[in-house]
Protein backbone atom coordinates (compact mmCIF):
# COMPACT_ATOMS: atom_id res chain seq x y z
CA MET A 1 63.21 65.31 145.86
CA TYR A 2 66.29 64.11 144.03
CA LEU A 3 69.31 66.47 143.91
CA GLU A 4 72.47 66.09 141.96
CA PHE A 5 75.59 66.09 144.11
CA TRP A 6 77.34 68.73 142.02
CA TRP A 7 74.65 71.27 142.94
CA PHE A 8 76.11 71.43 146.42
CA LEU A 9 79.40 72.47 144.88
CA THR A 10 77.78 75.67 143.50
CA VAL A 11 76.97 76.95 147.02
CA PRO A 12 80.53 78.06 147.90
CA ILE A 13 80.96 79.39 144.36
CA PHE A 14 77.90 81.65 144.73
CA PHE A 15 79.11 82.64 148.18
CA VAL A 16 82.48 83.71 146.78
CA ILE A 17 80.80 85.62 143.93
CA GLY A 18 78.53 87.44 146.40
CA TRP A 19 81.44 88.28 148.69
CA VAL A 20 83.52 89.67 145.77
CA ALA A 21 80.53 91.70 144.52
CA SER A 22 79.91 93.21 147.98
CA ARG A 23 83.58 94.11 148.33
CA TRP A 24 83.51 95.70 144.90
CA ASP A 25 80.39 97.72 145.78
CA ARG A 26 81.98 98.89 149.02
CA LYS A 27 85.10 99.94 147.14
CA LYS A 28 83.04 101.84 144.57
CA ASN A 29 81.08 103.60 147.32
CA ARG A 30 84.30 104.53 149.10
CA LEU A 31 85.78 105.94 145.88
CA ARG A 32 82.55 107.82 145.19
CA LYS A 33 82.64 109.40 148.67
CA GLN A 34 86.29 110.36 148.21
CA THR A 35 85.48 111.97 144.85
CA LYS A 36 82.58 113.93 146.37
CA LEU A 37 84.81 115.07 149.23
CA LYS A 38 87.46 116.28 146.76
CA ASP A 39 84.78 118.11 144.74
CA LEU A 40 83.52 119.75 147.93
CA GLU A 41 87.04 120.83 148.87
CA LYS A 42 87.56 122.30 145.40
CA LEU A 43 84.21 124.11 145.58
CA VAL A 44 85.07 125.69 148.93
CA LEU A 45 88.47 126.72 147.55
CA PHE A 46 86.96 128.30 144.44
CA LEU A 47 84.43 130.23 146.54
CA THR A 48 87.15 131.36 148.97
CA GLU A 49 89.21 132.64 146.03
CA GLU A 50 86.05 134.23 144.55
CA ASN A 51 86.60 132.12 141.44
CA HIS A 52 82.90 131.99 140.64
CA SER A 53 83.22 130.74 137.05
CA ASP A 54 85.04 127.53 138.09
CA ALA A 55 82.76 127.19 141.12
CA VAL A 56 79.71 127.27 138.84
CA LYS A 57 81.13 124.58 136.55
CA LEU A 58 81.96 122.32 139.48
CA LEU A 59 78.60 122.89 141.17
CA GLN A 60 76.79 122.04 137.94
CA SER A 61 78.57 118.67 137.85
CA ILE A 62 77.80 118.03 141.53
CA ILE A 63 74.11 118.86 141.10
CA LYS A 64 73.70 116.04 138.56
CA ASP A 65 73.76 113.62 141.52
CA TYR A 66 71.47 115.84 143.63
CA GLU A 67 68.91 117.17 141.18
CA ARG A 68 66.27 117.49 143.90
CA SER A 69 68.48 119.49 146.27
CA PHE A 70 66.77 122.87 146.74
CA HIS A 71 69.78 124.48 148.40
CA LEU A 72 72.31 123.44 145.74
CA GLN A 73 70.01 124.65 142.97
CA LYS A 74 69.47 127.92 144.83
CA ALA A 75 73.23 128.36 145.32
CA LEU A 76 73.84 127.77 141.60
CA GLY A 77 71.33 130.47 140.74
CA ILE A 78 73.04 132.92 143.11
CA MET A 79 76.43 132.24 141.51
CA PHE A 80 74.98 132.77 138.04
CA ARG A 81 73.68 136.14 139.24
CA ARG A 82 77.10 137.12 140.58
CA LEU A 83 78.58 136.32 137.18
CA GLY A 84 76.01 138.59 135.55
CA LEU A 85 74.16 135.67 133.95
CA PHE A 86 70.76 136.91 135.09
CA ASP A 87 68.78 134.86 132.56
CA ARG A 88 70.30 131.64 133.90
CA ALA A 89 69.71 132.73 137.49
CA LEU A 90 66.08 133.56 136.73
CA GLU A 91 65.58 130.22 135.01
CA ILE A 92 66.83 128.27 138.04
CA HIS A 93 65.04 130.28 140.72
CA ALA A 94 61.77 130.32 138.76
CA ALA A 95 61.99 126.54 138.37
CA LEU A 96 62.42 126.15 142.14
CA LEU A 97 59.07 127.88 142.68
CA SER A 98 57.30 125.13 140.75
CA MET A 99 58.76 122.33 142.88
CA ARG A 100 56.45 120.49 145.23
CA LYS A 101 56.87 120.18 148.98
CA VAL A 102 58.51 123.60 149.36
CA ASP A 103 57.73 125.23 152.72
CA SER A 104 56.67 128.89 152.85
CA THR A 105 59.93 130.11 154.41
CA PHE A 106 62.06 128.59 151.67
CA LEU A 107 59.56 129.82 149.07
CA ASP A 108 60.01 133.40 150.30
CA SER A 109 63.79 133.04 150.22
CA ILE A 110 63.51 132.05 146.54
CA LEU A 111 61.32 135.11 145.91
CA ILE A 112 64.03 137.28 147.47
CA ASP A 113 66.57 135.77 145.07
CA LEU A 114 64.18 136.22 142.16
CA THR A 115 63.80 139.89 143.07
CA LYS A 116 67.59 140.32 143.07
CA ASP A 117 67.75 138.58 139.68
CA TYR A 118 65.09 140.88 138.26
CA ILE A 119 66.85 143.97 139.62
CA GLY A 120 70.13 142.85 138.09
CA ALA A 121 68.40 142.28 134.76
CA GLY A 122 66.65 145.66 134.95
CA LEU A 123 63.16 144.11 135.13
CA TYR A 124 61.87 146.32 137.91
CA ASP A 125 58.16 145.65 137.34
CA LYS A 126 58.82 141.93 137.76
CA ALA A 127 60.89 142.67 140.86
CA TYR A 128 57.96 144.55 142.43
CA GLN A 129 55.65 141.65 141.63
CA ALA A 130 58.00 139.16 143.30
CA LEU A 131 58.19 141.34 146.43
CA GLU A 132 54.39 141.45 146.66
CA LEU A 133 54.29 137.64 146.94
CA ILE A 134 56.50 137.49 150.05
CA GLU A 135 54.45 136.60 153.12
CA ASN A 136 56.94 135.48 155.76
CA GLU A 137 58.01 138.22 158.19
CA THR A 138 61.51 136.72 158.30
CA TYR A 139 62.23 138.35 154.94
CA TYR A 140 60.32 141.59 155.53
CA TYR A 141 63.50 143.60 156.21
CA GLN A 142 65.23 142.30 153.08
CA ALA A 143 62.10 143.01 151.05
CA LEU A 144 62.07 146.62 152.26
CA GLU A 145 65.75 147.06 151.42
CA LEU A 146 65.20 145.71 147.92
CA ARG A 147 62.14 147.92 147.43
CA LEU A 148 64.20 150.94 148.52
CA LYS A 149 66.92 149.95 146.06
CA ILE A 150 64.40 149.84 143.21
CA ASN A 151 62.95 153.20 144.26
CA GLN A 152 66.38 154.78 144.06
CA ARG A 153 67.27 153.20 140.72
CA LEU A 154 64.03 154.43 139.19
CA LYS A 155 64.45 157.82 140.92
CA GLN A 156 61.09 157.38 142.66
CA TRP A 157 62.00 159.67 145.54
CA LYS A 158 58.55 160.08 147.12
CA PRO A 159 57.93 156.30 147.25
CA ALA A 160 61.53 155.99 148.49
CA LEU A 161 60.69 158.24 151.46
CA LYS A 162 57.67 156.07 152.26
CA THR A 163 59.75 152.87 152.04
CA LEU A 164 62.39 154.51 154.23
CA GLU A 165 59.75 155.27 156.89
CA ASN A 166 58.63 151.63 156.88
CA LEU A 167 62.25 150.50 157.16
CA GLU A 168 62.93 152.82 160.10
CA SER A 169 59.73 151.73 161.80
CA TYR A 170 60.63 148.07 161.44
CA CYS A 171 64.27 148.17 162.57
CA GLY A 172 64.00 151.07 165.03
CA GLU A 173 66.83 153.05 163.43
CA GLU A 174 66.85 156.41 161.69
CA TYR A 175 68.42 156.78 158.24
CA GLU A 176 68.84 160.55 158.36
CA ASN A 177 71.53 160.70 155.68
CA LEU A 178 69.37 158.89 153.12
CA ARG A 179 66.38 161.10 153.89
CA ILE A 180 68.48 164.25 153.31
CA HIS A 181 69.58 162.99 149.90
CA PHE A 182 66.00 162.07 148.98
CA PHE A 183 64.87 165.59 149.97
CA CYS A 184 67.67 167.08 147.86
CA GLU A 185 66.77 164.95 144.85
CA LEU A 186 63.14 166.08 145.11
CA ILE A 187 64.15 169.75 145.42
CA GLU A 188 66.46 169.49 142.40
CA ASN A 189 63.53 168.05 140.45
CA GLY A 190 61.32 171.03 141.27
CA ALA A 191 59.61 169.97 144.51
CA THR A 192 60.62 173.13 146.40
CA GLU A 193 58.19 172.38 149.24
CA TYR A 194 60.81 169.99 150.60
CA LYS A 195 63.23 172.84 151.33
CA LYS A 196 61.51 173.49 154.63
CA LYS A 197 61.78 169.82 155.62
CA LEU A 198 65.45 169.83 154.61
CA LYS A 199 66.16 172.85 156.83
CA GLU A 200 64.39 171.17 159.73
CA LYS A 201 66.19 167.86 159.27
CA ASN A 202 69.86 168.83 158.91
CA PRO A 203 70.79 172.12 157.21
CA ASP A 204 74.49 171.52 158.01
CA HIS A 205 74.81 168.52 155.72
CA ARG A 206 77.18 169.57 152.92
CA ARG A 207 74.68 168.77 150.16
CA ALA A 208 71.92 170.60 152.01
CA LYS A 209 74.22 173.59 152.50
CA GLU A 210 74.99 173.68 148.80
CA LEU A 211 71.38 173.34 147.77
CA LEU A 212 70.06 175.94 150.24
CA SER A 213 72.82 178.46 149.54
CA ASN A 214 73.03 180.87 146.63
CA LYS A 215 76.61 179.98 145.71
CA LYS A 216 77.29 179.85 141.98
CA ILE A 217 80.25 177.48 142.36
CA LYS A 218 78.98 174.14 143.58
CA ILE A 219 81.01 171.10 144.63
CA SER A 220 78.65 168.80 142.72
CA LEU A 221 79.74 170.47 139.43
CA GLU A 222 83.46 170.02 140.04
CA HIS A 223 85.61 167.93 137.74
CA GLY A 224 88.86 166.17 138.51
CA ASP A 225 89.98 162.82 139.84
CA PHE A 226 87.52 161.34 142.32
CA ILE A 227 87.21 157.88 143.85
CA CYS A 228 84.52 155.95 145.70
CA ASN A 229 85.88 155.06 149.13
CA CYS A 230 83.61 152.02 149.22
CA CYS A 231 84.28 150.17 145.94
CA ALA A 232 87.38 152.14 144.76
CA THR A 233 85.81 153.04 141.40
CA LYS A 234 87.34 156.19 139.87
CA PHE A 235 85.42 159.03 138.22
CA ASP A 236 86.42 162.29 136.56
CA TYR A 237 83.61 164.21 138.25
CA PHE A 238 82.15 164.63 141.72
CA PHE A 239 79.19 162.43 142.72
CA TRP A 240 76.88 162.16 145.70
CA LYS A 241 76.10 158.52 145.01
CA CYS A 242 78.46 155.97 143.44
CA HIS A 243 77.04 154.72 140.16
CA LEU A 244 78.57 151.28 140.65
CA CYS A 245 78.06 150.26 144.30
CA GLU A 246 75.24 152.80 144.90
CA THR A 247 76.74 154.11 148.15
CA TRP A 248 75.89 157.68 149.16
CA ASP A 249 78.56 160.19 150.31
CA SER A 250 81.43 157.91 149.30
CA CYS A 251 83.15 160.40 146.97
CA GLU A 252 86.68 161.52 147.74
CA ARG A 253 89.08 163.61 145.70
CA LEU A 254 92.24 161.77 144.73
CA SER A 255 95.40 163.45 145.94
CA TYR A 256 98.72 162.66 144.33
CA ASP A 257 102.05 162.78 146.08
CA ASN A 258 104.42 164.85 143.96
CA ASN A 259 107.39 163.32 145.73
């Protein structure tokens, strides 16, 4: 086979071109890694500062390179929920359910997030449906807590007592304070048969005392300056349960120093 001599001169030229291209690729990869590291540092900083709006924007740009990352998508949905964007959170978490090759444990974790999204959006029927689909025992405790939260929001006090029993049975602890409040709520709604159970449980609880006594002046009817000692929300009336953070017995009267 006859070869022109000048062909041999192209060998070092192609070698040089290949070497330059590889160096360029390595430089681009190094710059890409540095950019990703800076984005990660910014994301951690935003989350530490609880700057969720900027964290969401940055995470959305990061996810473009990792569209199949379950955990990043899940995290984005959680941040949308914390910003009150429940429709966006529902959209992301619902889409994750349709992905293939999702193991049952991760599937149940998505259902937990979906339940929280539905509760935040006020879609309690949907939240109940999501809880019914959870199969893994790892999330049984969280599922019971969420069910109890829905019961309280909907003022379903009898189902709340049943959920509370299941919760106590599972974790081996007694939630006496919650049970007293549930009894009181039922009594105030006309279920007087729970008065006997309230007396047996803890008649010295201040709400139980008020409810079982014949006093005309009740602390629950007082007005003034009150604050939740859990979330620091202020109210101009007394409350047994904070309407914002939903904590029981967190009400304190504000006292002002005249000096």
